[in-house]
Protein backbone atom coordinates (compact mmCIF):
# COMPACT_ATOMS: atom_id res chain seq x y z
CA MET A 1 0.01 -0.04 0.06
CA SER A 2 1.45 3.38 -1.01
CA LYS A 3 1.17 6.75 0.66
CA GLU A 4 -1.51 7.80 -1.86
CA ASP A 5 -3.80 5.00 -0.63
CA LEU A 6 -3.86 6.26 2.97
CA ALA A 7 -6.75 8.32 4.39
CA LYS A 8 -5.32 11.63 5.75
CA PHE A 9 -6.59 13.08 9.03
CA GLU A 10 -5.46 16.08 11.10
CA GLY A 11 -4.68 15.55 14.82
CA VAL A 12 -2.66 16.60 17.83
CA ILE A 13 0.03 14.54 19.59
CA VAL A 14 -1.22 13.74 23.02
CA SER A 15 1.70 11.62 24.46
CA THR A 16 4.87 9.77 23.41
CA PRO A 17 4.94 6.41 25.13
CA GLY A 18 8.41 5.61 23.65
CA GLY A 19 9.84 3.32 21.09
CA GLY A 20 9.14 5.82 18.27
CA HIS A 21 5.38 5.72 18.84
CA TYR A 22 3.12 8.69 19.31
CA ASN A 23 -0.48 8.79 20.61
CA VAL A 24 -2.48 11.13 18.31
CA GLN A 25 -5.89 12.44 18.96
CA LEU A 26 -7.72 13.03 15.67
CA GLU A 27 -10.14 15.89 14.97
CA ASN A 28 -13.06 13.44 15.21
CA GLY A 29 -12.08 12.42 18.76
CA LYS A 30 -10.49 9.07 17.97
CA ASN A 31 -7.08 8.12 19.34
CA VAL A 32 -4.48 6.50 17.12
CA VAL A 33 -0.95 5.08 17.62
CA ALA A 34 1.28 6.53 14.92
CA LYS A 35 5.00 6.39 13.86
CA LEU A 36 7.10 8.91 11.96
CA SER A 37 7.36 8.41 8.22
CA GLY A 38 10.67 7.59 6.69
CA LYS A 39 11.18 11.05 5.14
CA MET A 40 10.62 12.66 8.54
CA LYS A 41 13.23 10.34 10.08
CA GLN A 42 15.58 10.90 7.22
CA ASN A 43 15.39 14.74 7.58
CA LYS A 44 15.51 14.47 11.41
CA ILE A 45 12.14 16.20 11.93
CA ARG A 46 11.03 15.64 15.50
CA CYS A 47 7.61 15.86 17.05
CA ILE A 48 6.66 16.71 20.59
CA VAL A 49 3.49 16.73 22.64
CA GLY A 50 1.07 19.41 21.42
CA ASP A 51 2.23 19.48 17.74
CA GLU A 52 -0.40 19.50 15.09
CA VAL A 53 0.20 16.68 12.58
CA THR A 54 -1.20 15.04 9.47
CA VAL A 55 -1.65 11.28 9.92
CA GLY A 56 -2.04 8.76 7.15
CA ILE A 57 -4.23 5.84 8.22
CA SER A 58 -4.80 2.65 6.33
CA VAL A 59 -8.41 1.56 5.61
CA TYR A 60 -7.51 -1.99 6.77
CA ASP A 61 -6.19 -1.07 10.31
CA ILE A 62 -7.64 2.17 11.63
CA ALA A 63 -5.84 1.89 15.02
CA HIS A 64 -2.35 2.61 13.57
CA GLY A 65 -1.06 5.38 11.37
CA ILE A 66 2.00 7.21 9.94
CA ILE A 67 2.80 10.81 10.79
CA MET A 68 3.36 12.38 7.41
CA PHE A 69 3.54 16.10 8.13
CA ARG A 70 4.07 18.30 11.13
CA LYS A 71 2.55 21.75 10.95
CA ASN A 72 5.14 24.49 11.62
CA LYS A 73 4.24 26.33 14.80
CA ARG A 74 5.89 29.73 15.39
CA ARG A 75 8.60 29.01 17.96
CA SER A 76 11.25 31.33 19.10
CA PRO A 77 14.43 30.98 17.01
CA PRO A 78 17.60 29.85 18.69
CA PRO A 79 19.77 32.60 20.17
CA TYR A 80 22.18 34.15 17.81
CA LYS A 81 25.78 33.18 18.40
CA LYS A 82 28.75 35.48 17.44
């Protein structure tokens, strides 16, 4: 199954139990266990509790998903070093 076959939902990361898993609460109120996609791991994009994410969920197993995109929240930039 490719990424195009996944149903995409918006959600918020609720907790990180460990082992690369994230508990995500979707907009419709359902909770899903999700992992980071390969491109996010490759580019070292990290997610923390409270981040808004797009989750791809298979139609065959709706309890598990893949975090495909993290919405960019405005965070303060790191301090400038001289």
